[in-house]
């Protein structure tokens, strides 16, 4: 299952978003075990996530052309407009809406 892409955690003490820590996401915290502290998003934030494609946070996607061939990405920009996007985590491919 893919993560949410969350990069910050809810913090009940400041009533807003903050960096994740044991005090705001630990098992004894008001909002424990938040997604941004665990899983693919957290691993990406500290540089421990290997990806086959691109994408922000824990997402790992590859743009595809109309024949299903991966499109080259240079500096985060696809060489052409993708027809589909392949999610390398779930192995699902979604058609791009015009």
N, C-alpha and C. Protein backbone atom coordinates (compact mmCIF):
# COMPACT_ATOMS: atom_id res chain seq x y z
N UNK A 1 0.84 -1.18 0.00
CA UNK A 1 0.00 0.00 0.00
C UNK A 1 0.89 1.24 0.00
N UNK A 2 0.49 2.23 -0.74
CA UNK A 2 1.24 3.47 -0.80
C UNK A 2 0.97 4.32 0.44
N UNK A 3 1.92 5.18 0.78
CA UNK A 3 1.73 6.13 1.87
C UNK A 3 0.92 7.32 1.38
N UNK A 4 0.65 8.26 2.27
CA UNK A 4 -0.19 9.41 1.94
C UNK A 4 0.57 10.56 1.32
N UNK A 5 1.89 10.60 1.48
CA UNK A 5 2.67 11.74 1.03
C UNK A 5 2.82 12.80 2.12
N UNK A 6 2.30 12.52 3.30
CA UNK A 6 2.40 13.47 4.42
C UNK A 6 3.86 13.60 4.85
N UNK A 7 4.30 14.83 5.08
CA UNK A 7 5.68 15.07 5.51
C UNK A 7 5.75 15.77 6.86
N UNK A 8 4.60 16.15 7.43
CA UNK A 8 4.56 16.73 8.76
C UNK A 8 3.48 16.03 9.57
N UNK A 9 3.56 16.19 10.89
CA UNK A 9 2.60 15.52 11.78
C UNK A 9 1.73 16.55 12.48
N UNK A 10 0.51 16.13 12.79
CA UNK A 10 -0.38 16.98 13.59
C UNK A 10 0.18 17.05 15.01
N UNK A 11 0.16 18.23 15.57
CA UNK A 11 0.68 18.43 16.93
C UNK A 11 -0.40 19.08 17.77
N UNK A 12 -0.97 18.32 18.71
CA UNK A 12 -2.07 18.82 19.54
C UNK A 12 -1.65 19.97 20.43
N UNK A 13 -0.37 20.03 20.82
CA UNK A 13 0.10 21.10 21.71
C UNK A 13 0.11 22.46 21.03
N UNK A 14 0.47 22.50 19.75
CA UNK A 14 0.48 23.78 19.04
C UNK A 14 -0.74 23.95 18.15
N UNK A 15 -1.59 22.93 18.13
CA UNK A 15 -2.80 22.92 17.30
C UNK A 15 -2.50 23.22 15.84
N UNK A 16 -1.51 22.52 15.31
CA UNK A 16 -1.14 22.71 13.92
C UNK A 16 -0.21 21.60 13.47
N UNK A 17 0.57 21.88 12.43
CA UNK A 17 1.49 20.91 11.85
C UNK A 17 2.89 21.19 12.34
N UNK A 18 3.67 20.13 12.55
CA UNK A 18 5.04 20.27 13.03
C UNK A 18 5.85 19.07 12.57
N UNK A 19 7.17 19.18 12.76
CA UNK A 19 8.03 18.03 12.48
C UNK A 19 7.60 16.88 13.38
N UNK A 20 7.71 15.68 12.89
CA UNK A 20 7.31 14.51 13.67
C UNK A 20 8.33 14.20 14.76
N UNK A 21 7.83 13.85 15.92
CA UNK A 21 8.69 13.48 17.04
C UNK A 21 7.94 12.49 17.92
N UNK A 22 8.63 11.92 18.88
CA UNK A 22 7.98 10.99 19.81
C UNK A 22 6.92 11.72 20.62
N UNK A 23 7.16 13.00 20.94
CA UNK A 23 6.19 13.73 21.77
C UNK A 23 4.86 13.97 21.07
N UNK A 24 4.86 14.09 19.73
CA UNK A 24 3.58 14.31 19.06
C UNK A 24 3.05 13.10 18.28
N UNK A 25 3.85 12.04 18.15
CA UNK A 25 3.36 10.86 17.43
C UNK A 25 3.67 9.54 18.13
N UNK A 26 4.31 9.60 19.30
CA UNK A 26 4.61 8.38 20.04
C UNK A 26 3.34 7.71 20.53
N UNK A 27 3.45 6.49 21.00
CA UNK A 27 2.27 5.73 21.43
C UNK A 27 1.50 6.42 22.54
N UNK A 28 2.14 7.26 23.36
CA UNK A 28 1.46 7.97 24.46
C UNK A 28 0.98 9.36 24.05
N UNK A 29 1.23 9.77 22.82
CA UNK A 29 0.84 11.11 22.35
C UNK A 29 -0.66 11.17 22.05
N UNK A 30 -1.24 12.40 22.03
CA UNK A 30 -2.67 12.54 21.70
C UNK A 30 -3.03 12.00 20.31
N UNK A 31 -2.10 12.07 19.36
CA UNK A 31 -2.33 11.56 18.00
C UNK A 31 -1.18 10.62 17.64
N UNK A 32 -1.19 9.39 18.16
CA UNK A 32 -0.05 8.48 17.99
C UNK A 32 0.08 7.90 16.58
N UNK A 33 1.31 7.46 16.28
CA UNK A 33 1.66 6.67 15.09
C UNK A 33 1.16 7.28 13.76
N UNK A 34 1.48 8.53 13.53
CA UNK A 34 1.05 9.20 12.31
C UNK A 34 1.89 8.76 11.10
N UNK A 35 1.29 8.79 9.94
CA UNK A 35 1.90 8.30 8.72
C UNK A 35 3.23 9.00 8.39
N UNK A 36 3.34 10.28 8.63
CA UNK A 36 4.56 11.00 8.26
C UNK A 36 5.78 10.55 9.07
N UNK A 37 5.57 9.85 10.17
CA UNK A 37 6.69 9.39 10.99
C UNK A 37 7.09 7.95 10.67
N UNK A 38 6.23 7.21 10.00
CA UNK A 38 6.48 5.81 9.72
C UNK A 38 6.30 5.51 8.23
N UNK A 39 6.84 4.42 7.76
CA UNK A 39 6.61 3.97 6.40
C UNK A 39 7.47 4.65 5.34
N UNK A 40 7.00 4.61 4.11
CA UNK A 40 7.76 5.09 2.96
C UNK A 40 8.03 6.59 3.02
N UNK A 41 7.06 7.39 3.48
CA UNK A 41 7.27 8.84 3.55
C UNK A 41 8.40 9.18 4.51
N UNK A 42 8.42 8.54 5.67
CA UNK A 42 9.48 8.79 6.66
C UNK A 42 10.84 8.32 6.14
N UNK A 43 10.88 7.19 5.47
CA UNK A 43 12.14 6.69 4.91
C UNK A 43 12.66 7.63 3.83
N UNK A 44 11.78 8.17 3.01
CA UNK A 44 12.19 9.12 1.97
C UNK A 44 12.73 10.41 2.58
N UNK A 45 12.13 10.86 3.67
CA UNK A 45 12.55 12.11 4.32
C UNK A 45 13.99 12.05 4.84
N UNK A 46 14.45 10.86 5.20
CA UNK A 46 15.82 10.74 5.71
C UNK A 46 16.76 10.07 4.71
N UNK A 47 16.31 9.95 3.46
CA UNK A 47 17.16 9.43 2.39
C UNK A 47 17.38 7.93 2.41
N UNK A 48 16.47 7.17 3.02
CA UNK A 48 16.62 5.72 3.11
C UNK A 48 15.69 4.95 2.19
N UNK A 49 15.06 5.63 1.23
CA UNK A 49 14.10 4.97 0.34
C UNK A 49 14.67 4.90 -1.07
N UNK A 50 14.77 3.69 -1.60
CA UNK A 50 15.21 3.50 -2.98
C UNK A 50 13.97 3.46 -3.86
N UNK A 51 14.00 4.23 -4.94
CA UNK A 51 12.86 4.29 -5.86
C UNK A 51 13.26 3.82 -7.24
N UNK A 52 12.32 3.20 -7.93
CA UNK A 52 12.53 2.80 -9.32
C UNK A 52 12.21 3.96 -10.26
N UNK A 53 11.31 4.84 -9.86
CA UNK A 53 10.90 5.99 -10.66
C UNK A 53 11.09 7.29 -9.90
N UNK A 54 10.14 8.19 -10.02
CA UNK A 54 10.21 9.47 -9.34
C UNK A 54 8.98 9.68 -8.48
N UNK A 55 8.83 10.87 -7.97
CA UNK A 55 7.67 11.20 -7.15
C UNK A 55 8.09 11.77 -5.82
N UNK A 56 7.22 12.60 -5.25
CA UNK A 56 7.50 13.25 -3.97
C UNK A 56 7.32 12.27 -2.82
N UNK A 57 7.98 12.56 -1.72
CA UNK A 57 7.87 11.79 -0.47
C UNK A 57 8.03 10.30 -0.77
N UNK A 58 7.11 9.46 -0.32
CA UNK A 58 7.21 8.02 -0.50
C UNK A 58 6.65 7.50 -1.81
N UNK A 59 6.10 8.38 -2.63
CA UNK A 59 5.53 7.95 -3.90
C UNK A 59 6.64 7.54 -4.87
N UNK A 60 6.40 6.50 -5.65
CA UNK A 60 7.37 6.00 -6.63
C UNK A 60 6.59 5.73 -7.91
N UNK A 61 6.60 6.68 -8.82
CA UNK A 61 5.80 6.59 -10.04
C UNK A 61 6.67 6.74 -11.28
N UNK A 62 6.15 6.23 -12.39
CA UNK A 62 6.84 6.35 -13.67
C UNK A 62 5.83 6.79 -14.73
N UNK A 63 6.12 7.89 -15.46
CA UNK A 63 5.24 8.31 -16.54
C UNK A 63 5.41 7.37 -17.74
N UNK A 64 4.30 7.07 -18.42
CA UNK A 64 4.32 6.17 -19.58
C UNK A 64 3.71 6.86 -20.79
N UNK A 65 4.22 6.51 -21.99
CA UNK A 65 3.61 7.04 -23.20
C UNK A 65 2.42 6.17 -23.58
N UNK A 66 1.78 6.46 -24.72
CA UNK A 66 0.55 5.75 -25.10
C UNK A 66 0.77 4.27 -25.40
N UNK A 67 2.02 3.85 -25.62
CA UNK A 67 2.30 2.43 -25.86
C UNK A 67 2.74 1.72 -24.58
N UNK A 68 2.79 2.44 -23.46
CA UNK A 68 3.17 1.83 -22.19
C UNK A 68 4.66 1.84 -21.91
N UNK A 69 5.41 2.58 -22.73
CA UNK A 69 6.86 2.69 -22.54
C UNK A 69 7.17 3.83 -21.59
N UNK A 70 8.10 3.60 -20.67
CA UNK A 70 8.48 4.63 -19.71
C UNK A 70 9.06 5.86 -20.43
N UNK A 71 8.68 7.03 -19.97
CA UNK A 71 9.16 8.29 -20.53
C UNK A 71 10.36 8.75 -19.69
N UNK A 72 11.41 9.18 -20.35
CA UNK A 72 12.60 9.68 -19.67
C UNK A 72 12.27 10.95 -18.89
N UNK A 73 12.80 11.02 -17.66
CA UNK A 73 12.63 12.21 -16.82
C UNK A 73 14.00 12.85 -16.63
N UNK A 74 14.10 14.13 -16.93
CA UNK A 74 15.33 14.87 -16.74
C UNK A 74 15.07 16.04 -15.81
N UNK A 75 15.78 16.10 -14.70
CA UNK A 75 15.60 17.15 -13.69
C UNK A 75 14.14 17.26 -13.24
N UNK A 76 13.48 16.11 -13.10
CA UNK A 76 12.10 16.09 -12.63
C UNK A 76 11.05 16.39 -13.68
N UNK A 77 11.46 16.57 -14.94
CA UNK A 77 10.52 16.93 -16.02
C UNK A 77 10.48 15.80 -17.06
N UNK A 78 9.28 15.24 -17.33
CA UNK A 78 9.19 14.20 -18.36
C UNK A 78 9.51 14.77 -19.74
N UNK A 79 10.13 13.93 -20.60
CA UNK A 79 10.50 14.36 -21.95
C UNK A 79 9.28 14.64 -22.82
N UNK A 80 8.13 14.02 -22.51
CA UNK A 80 6.89 14.28 -23.23
C UNK A 80 5.73 14.12 -22.25
N UNK A 81 4.54 14.52 -22.70
CA UNK A 81 3.35 14.42 -21.84
C UNK A 81 2.95 12.97 -21.69
N UNK A 82 2.88 12.46 -20.47
CA UNK A 82 2.52 11.05 -20.28
C UNK A 82 1.05 10.78 -20.59
N UNK A 83 0.77 9.58 -21.09
CA UNK A 83 -0.61 9.12 -21.29
C UNK A 83 -1.11 8.39 -20.06
N UNK A 84 -0.17 7.76 -19.35
CA UNK A 84 -0.50 6.99 -18.15
C UNK A 84 0.60 7.20 -17.11
N UNK A 85 0.30 6.80 -15.89
CA UNK A 85 1.29 6.84 -14.82
C UNK A 85 1.26 5.48 -14.14
N UNK A 86 2.45 4.89 -13.99
CA UNK A 86 2.56 3.59 -13.32
C UNK A 86 3.07 3.80 -11.90
N UNK A 87 2.34 3.25 -10.92
CA UNK A 87 2.74 3.31 -9.52
C UNK A 87 3.59 2.09 -9.23
N UNK A 88 4.88 2.31 -8.98
CA UNK A 88 5.81 1.21 -8.75
C UNK A 88 5.62 0.52 -7.40
N UNK A 89 4.86 1.11 -6.49
CA UNK A 89 4.60 0.51 -5.18
C UNK A 89 3.43 -0.47 -5.27
N UNK A 90 2.33 -0.02 -5.86
CA UNK A 90 1.12 -0.85 -5.94
C UNK A 90 1.06 -1.67 -7.22
N UNK A 91 1.90 -1.33 -8.19
CA UNK A 91 1.93 -1.96 -9.52
C UNK A 91 0.67 -1.66 -10.33
N UNK A 92 -0.02 -0.57 -9.98
CA UNK A 92 -1.20 -0.15 -10.73
C UNK A 92 -0.82 0.93 -11.74
N UNK A 93 -1.50 0.93 -12.88
CA UNK A 93 -1.29 1.96 -13.90
C UNK A 93 -2.59 2.72 -14.09
N UNK A 94 -2.49 4.04 -14.09
CA UNK A 94 -3.67 4.90 -14.24
C UNK A 94 -3.55 5.73 -15.50
N UNK A 95 -4.67 5.83 -16.21
CA UNK A 95 -4.71 6.66 -17.41
C UNK A 95 -4.80 8.12 -17.00
N UNK A 96 -4.07 8.96 -17.70
CA UNK A 96 -4.10 10.40 -17.44
C UNK A 96 -5.31 11.00 -18.10
N UNK A 97 -6.06 11.82 -17.38
CA UNK A 97 -7.23 12.48 -17.95
C UNK A 97 -6.79 13.67 -18.78
N UNK A 98 -7.44 13.90 -19.92
CA UNK A 98 -7.06 15.05 -20.77
C UNK A 98 -7.38 16.37 -20.11
